[in-house]
Amino acid sequence: MTEKVRDREHHERLFKASQSPIRRQIVASIGIHGKTREELKNELNLSDFQMRFNLDWLIKEGFVVEEGGKLKLTDDGIELLEAG
């Protein structure tokens, strides 16, 4: 297994993601099993704007992917989850 290179940009993205309580909640809620958008929205009781804004950011930055209607964490998302 090859080791991923962790550069400054990667650490800055992780830091920025971890600074948002809503983004941390989203990542924790998705967890290792994944969730649908509806499950996530209902569990976290977020407004449509909060959900869309923060989830879109997490997807754009590579922490979350959507596959088959389910949100799942990427390797970076799992790293963020483990960082607490």
N, C-alpha and C. Protein backbone atom coordinates (compact mmCIF):
# COMPACT_ATOMS: atom_id res chain seq x y z
N MET A 1 0.84 -1.17 0.00
CA MET A 1 0.00 0.00 0.00
C MET A 1 0.90 1.25 0.00
N THR A 2 0.58 2.20 -0.87
CA THR A 2 1.40 3.41 -0.95
C THR A 2 0.89 4.46 0.03
N GLU A 3 1.80 5.22 0.54
CA GLU A 3 1.48 6.30 1.48
C GLU A 3 1.09 7.55 0.69
N LYS A 4 -0.03 8.17 1.09
CA LYS A 4 -0.46 9.41 0.44
C LYS A 4 0.43 10.56 0.86
N VAL A 5 0.71 11.43 -0.09
CA VAL A 5 1.49 12.62 0.21
C VAL A 5 0.57 13.65 0.86
N ARG A 6 0.97 14.15 1.99
CA ARG A 6 0.18 15.15 2.72
C ARG A 6 0.92 16.47 2.65
N ASP A 7 0.51 17.32 1.72
CA ASP A 7 1.18 18.60 1.56
C ASP A 7 0.46 19.70 2.34
N ARG A 8 0.98 20.87 2.24
CA ARG A 8 0.42 22.01 2.97
C ARG A 8 -1.04 22.27 2.59
N GLU A 9 -1.33 22.16 1.30
CA GLU A 9 -2.71 22.38 0.83
C GLU A 9 -3.68 21.38 1.47
N HIS A 10 -3.25 20.13 1.58
CA HIS A 10 -4.08 19.10 2.21
C HIS A 10 -4.36 19.47 3.67
N HIS A 11 -3.34 19.86 4.38
CA HIS A 11 -3.51 20.22 5.79
C HIS A 11 -4.38 21.46 5.96
N GLU A 12 -4.26 22.41 5.05
CA GLU A 12 -5.10 23.60 5.12
C GLU A 12 -6.57 23.26 4.88
N ARG A 13 -6.84 22.34 3.93
CA ARG A 13 -8.21 21.90 3.67
C ARG A 13 -8.78 21.18 4.89
N LEU A 14 -7.99 20.31 5.49
CA LEU A 14 -8.43 19.61 6.70
C LEU A 14 -8.72 20.60 7.82
N PHE A 15 -7.84 21.57 7.99
CA PHE A 15 -8.02 22.58 9.03
C PHE A 15 -9.30 23.37 8.79
N LYS A 16 -9.51 23.82 7.55
CA LYS A 16 -10.69 24.61 7.22
C LYS A 16 -11.97 23.79 7.45
N ALA A 17 -11.95 22.53 7.07
CA ALA A 17 -13.12 21.67 7.28
C ALA A 17 -13.39 21.48 8.77
N SER A 18 -12.33 21.33 9.55
CA SER A 18 -12.50 21.06 10.98
C SER A 18 -12.94 22.28 11.76
N GLN A 19 -12.80 23.46 11.20
CA GLN A 19 -13.18 24.69 11.89
C GLN A 19 -14.68 24.94 11.89
N SER A 20 -15.40 24.24 11.05
CA SER A 20 -16.85 24.42 10.95
C SER A 20 -17.58 23.34 11.74
N PRO A 21 -18.31 23.73 12.79
CA PRO A 21 -19.05 22.73 13.57
C PRO A 21 -20.07 21.97 12.71
N ILE A 22 -20.70 22.65 11.76
CA ILE A 22 -21.69 21.98 10.91
C ILE A 22 -21.00 20.94 10.03
N ARG A 23 -19.86 21.28 9.46
CA ARG A 23 -19.14 20.31 8.62
C ARG A 23 -18.68 19.12 9.43
N ARG A 24 -18.24 19.35 10.65
CA ARG A 24 -17.84 18.23 11.52
C ARG A 24 -19.05 17.35 11.83
N GLN A 25 -20.21 17.97 12.08
CA GLN A 25 -21.43 17.20 12.35
C GLN A 25 -21.83 16.36 11.13
N ILE A 26 -21.74 16.95 9.95
CA ILE A 26 -22.09 16.24 8.73
C ILE A 26 -21.19 15.02 8.55
N VAL A 27 -19.89 15.22 8.69
CA VAL A 27 -18.93 14.12 8.53
C VAL A 27 -19.20 13.03 9.57
N ALA A 28 -19.43 13.42 10.82
CA ALA A 28 -19.69 12.44 11.88
C ALA A 28 -20.98 11.68 11.60
N SER A 29 -21.99 12.37 11.12
CA SER A 29 -23.27 11.73 10.85
C SER A 29 -23.18 10.75 9.68
N ILE A 30 -22.46 11.12 8.64
CA ILE A 30 -22.29 10.21 7.50
C ILE A 30 -21.54 8.97 7.96
N GLY A 31 -20.49 9.17 8.77
CA GLY A 31 -19.75 8.06 9.34
C GLY A 31 -19.24 7.07 8.31
N ILE A 32 -18.97 5.87 8.75
CA ILE A 32 -18.39 4.87 7.86
C ILE A 32 -19.45 4.13 7.05
N HIS A 33 -20.72 4.26 7.43
CA HIS A 33 -21.78 3.52 6.74
C HIS A 33 -22.48 4.35 5.66
N GLY A 34 -22.36 5.65 5.71
CA GLY A 34 -22.99 6.50 4.72
C GLY A 34 -24.45 6.80 5.06
N LYS A 35 -24.99 7.83 4.42
CA LYS A 35 -26.37 8.26 4.63
C LYS A 35 -26.89 8.90 3.37
N THR A 36 -28.21 8.91 3.23
CA THR A 36 -28.81 9.68 2.16
C THR A 36 -28.87 11.14 2.59
N ARG A 37 -29.09 12.02 1.63
CA ARG A 37 -29.24 13.45 1.96
C ARG A 37 -30.40 13.66 2.93
N GLU A 38 -31.50 12.95 2.69
CA GLU A 38 -32.70 13.10 3.53
C GLU A 38 -32.42 12.64 4.96
N GLU A 39 -31.75 11.49 5.11
CA GLU A 39 -31.41 10.99 6.45
C GLU A 39 -30.53 12.00 7.17
N LEU A 40 -29.56 12.54 6.46
CA LEU A 40 -28.64 13.51 7.04
C LEU A 40 -29.37 14.78 7.48
N LYS A 41 -30.21 15.29 6.60
CA LYS A 41 -30.94 16.53 6.90
C LYS A 41 -31.85 16.33 8.11
N ASN A 42 -32.56 15.21 8.15
CA ASN A 42 -33.47 14.94 9.27
C ASN A 42 -32.72 14.75 10.58
N GLU A 43 -31.61 14.04 10.53
CA GLU A 43 -30.84 13.77 11.75
C GLU A 43 -30.24 15.05 12.34
N LEU A 44 -29.72 15.91 11.47
CA LEU A 44 -29.02 17.10 11.96
C LEU A 44 -29.91 18.31 12.09
N ASN A 45 -31.14 18.23 11.57
CA ASN A 45 -32.09 19.34 11.66
C ASN A 45 -31.50 20.64 11.12
N LEU A 46 -30.92 20.56 9.93
CA LEU A 46 -30.31 21.73 9.29
C LEU A 46 -31.29 22.39 8.34
N SER A 47 -31.12 23.69 8.15
CA SER A 47 -31.91 24.37 7.14
C SER A 47 -31.43 23.91 5.76
N ASP A 48 -32.25 24.13 4.74
CA ASP A 48 -31.84 23.74 3.38
C ASP A 48 -30.53 24.44 3.00
N PHE A 49 -30.42 25.73 3.36
CA PHE A 49 -29.20 26.47 3.03
C PHE A 49 -27.97 25.89 3.73
N GLN A 50 -28.07 25.64 5.04
CA GLN A 50 -26.94 25.09 5.79
C GLN A 50 -26.50 23.75 5.22
N MET A 51 -27.47 22.92 4.91
CA MET A 51 -27.17 21.60 4.37
C MET A 51 -26.48 21.72 3.02
N ARG A 52 -27.07 22.46 2.11
CA ARG A 52 -26.54 22.58 0.76
C ARG A 52 -25.16 23.23 0.76
N PHE A 53 -25.01 24.35 1.47
CA PHE A 53 -23.76 25.08 1.49
C PHE A 53 -22.61 24.22 2.01
N ASN A 54 -22.81 23.60 3.15
CA ASN A 54 -21.73 22.83 3.78
C ASN A 54 -21.47 21.49 3.10
N LEU A 55 -22.53 20.82 2.67
CA LEU A 55 -22.34 19.55 1.98
C LEU A 55 -21.68 19.77 0.62
N ASP A 56 -22.11 20.79 -0.11
CA ASP A 56 -21.47 21.10 -1.39
C ASP A 56 -19.99 21.39 -1.21
N TRP A 57 -19.64 22.09 -0.14
CA TRP A 57 -18.23 22.40 0.13
C TRP A 57 -17.45 21.11 0.39
N LEU A 58 -18.01 20.24 1.22
CA LEU A 58 -17.34 18.97 1.54
C LEU A 58 -17.16 18.10 0.30
N ILE A 59 -18.14 18.11 -0.59
CA ILE A 59 -18.03 17.35 -1.83
C ILE A 59 -16.97 17.98 -2.74
N LYS A 60 -17.04 19.29 -2.91
CA LYS A 60 -16.09 19.99 -3.78
C LYS A 60 -14.65 19.80 -3.31
N GLU A 61 -14.44 19.80 -2.00
CA GLU A 61 -13.08 19.67 -1.45
C GLU A 61 -12.63 18.21 -1.32
N GLY A 62 -13.49 17.27 -1.66
CA GLY A 62 -13.08 15.88 -1.70
C GLY A 62 -13.20 15.10 -0.40
N PHE A 63 -14.04 15.56 0.52
CA PHE A 63 -14.23 14.84 1.78
C PHE A 63 -15.41 13.87 1.70
N VAL A 64 -16.36 14.16 0.80
CA VAL A 64 -17.58 13.37 0.67
C VAL A 64 -17.84 13.13 -0.82
N VAL A 65 -18.37 11.96 -1.14
CA VAL A 65 -18.84 11.64 -2.50
C VAL A 65 -20.27 11.12 -2.38
N GLU A 66 -21.00 11.22 -3.48
CA GLU A 66 -22.34 10.67 -3.51
C GLU A 66 -22.36 9.55 -4.54
N GLU A 67 -22.68 8.35 -4.06
CA GLU A 67 -22.71 7.17 -4.93
C GLU A 67 -24.01 6.43 -4.72
N GLY A 68 -24.75 6.23 -5.79
CA GLY A 68 -26.00 5.48 -5.70
C GLY A 68 -27.00 6.10 -4.74
N GLY A 69 -27.04 7.42 -4.69
CA GLY A 69 -27.98 8.11 -3.81
C GLY A 69 -27.57 8.16 -2.35
N LYS A 70 -26.36 7.71 -2.05
CA LYS A 70 -25.87 7.69 -0.67
C LYS A 70 -24.59 8.51 -0.56
N LEU A 71 -24.51 9.31 0.48
CA LEU A 71 -23.31 10.10 0.77
C LEU A 71 -22.32 9.22 1.51
N LYS A 72 -21.07 9.25 1.06
CA LYS A 72 -20.02 8.44 1.69
C LYS A 72 -18.78 9.29 1.87
N LEU A 73 -18.01 8.96 2.90
CA LEU A 73 -16.76 9.66 3.15
C LEU A 73 -15.66 9.11 2.25
N THR A 74 -14.83 9.99 1.75
CA THR A 74 -13.62 9.60 1.02
C THR A 74 -12.54 9.30 2.06
N ASP A 75 -11.35 8.93 1.60
CA ASP A 75 -10.24 8.73 2.54
C ASP A 75 -9.98 10.00 3.35
N ASP A 76 -10.06 11.16 2.68
CA ASP A 76 -9.86 12.43 3.39
C ASP A 76 -10.98 12.67 4.40
N GLY A 77 -12.20 12.29 4.04
CA GLY A 77 -13.33 12.42 4.95
C GLY A 77 -13.16 11.55 6.18
N ILE A 78 -12.66 10.34 5.98
CA ILE A 78 -12.40 9.44 7.11
C ILE A 78 -11.30 10.02 8.00
N GLU A 79 -10.29 10.61 7.38
CA GLU A 79 -9.23 11.25 8.16
C GLU A 79 -9.80 12.38 9.00
N LEU A 80 -10.69 13.16 8.43
CA LEU A 80 -11.34 14.25 9.17
C LEU A 80 -12.20 13.69 10.30
N LEU A 81 -12.92 12.61 10.04
CA LEU A 81 -13.74 11.96 11.06
C LEU A 81 -12.88 11.48 12.22
N GLU A 82 -11.76 10.86 11.91
CA GLU A 82 -10.86 10.34 12.94
C GLU A 82 -10.18 11.44 13.73
N ALA A 83 -10.01 12.60 13.10
CA ALA A 83 -9.38 13.73 13.79
C ALA A 83 -10.31 14.34 14.83
N GLY A 84 -11.60 14.02 14.72
CA GLY A 84 -12.58 14.46 15.69
C GLY A 84 -13.00 15.83 15.44
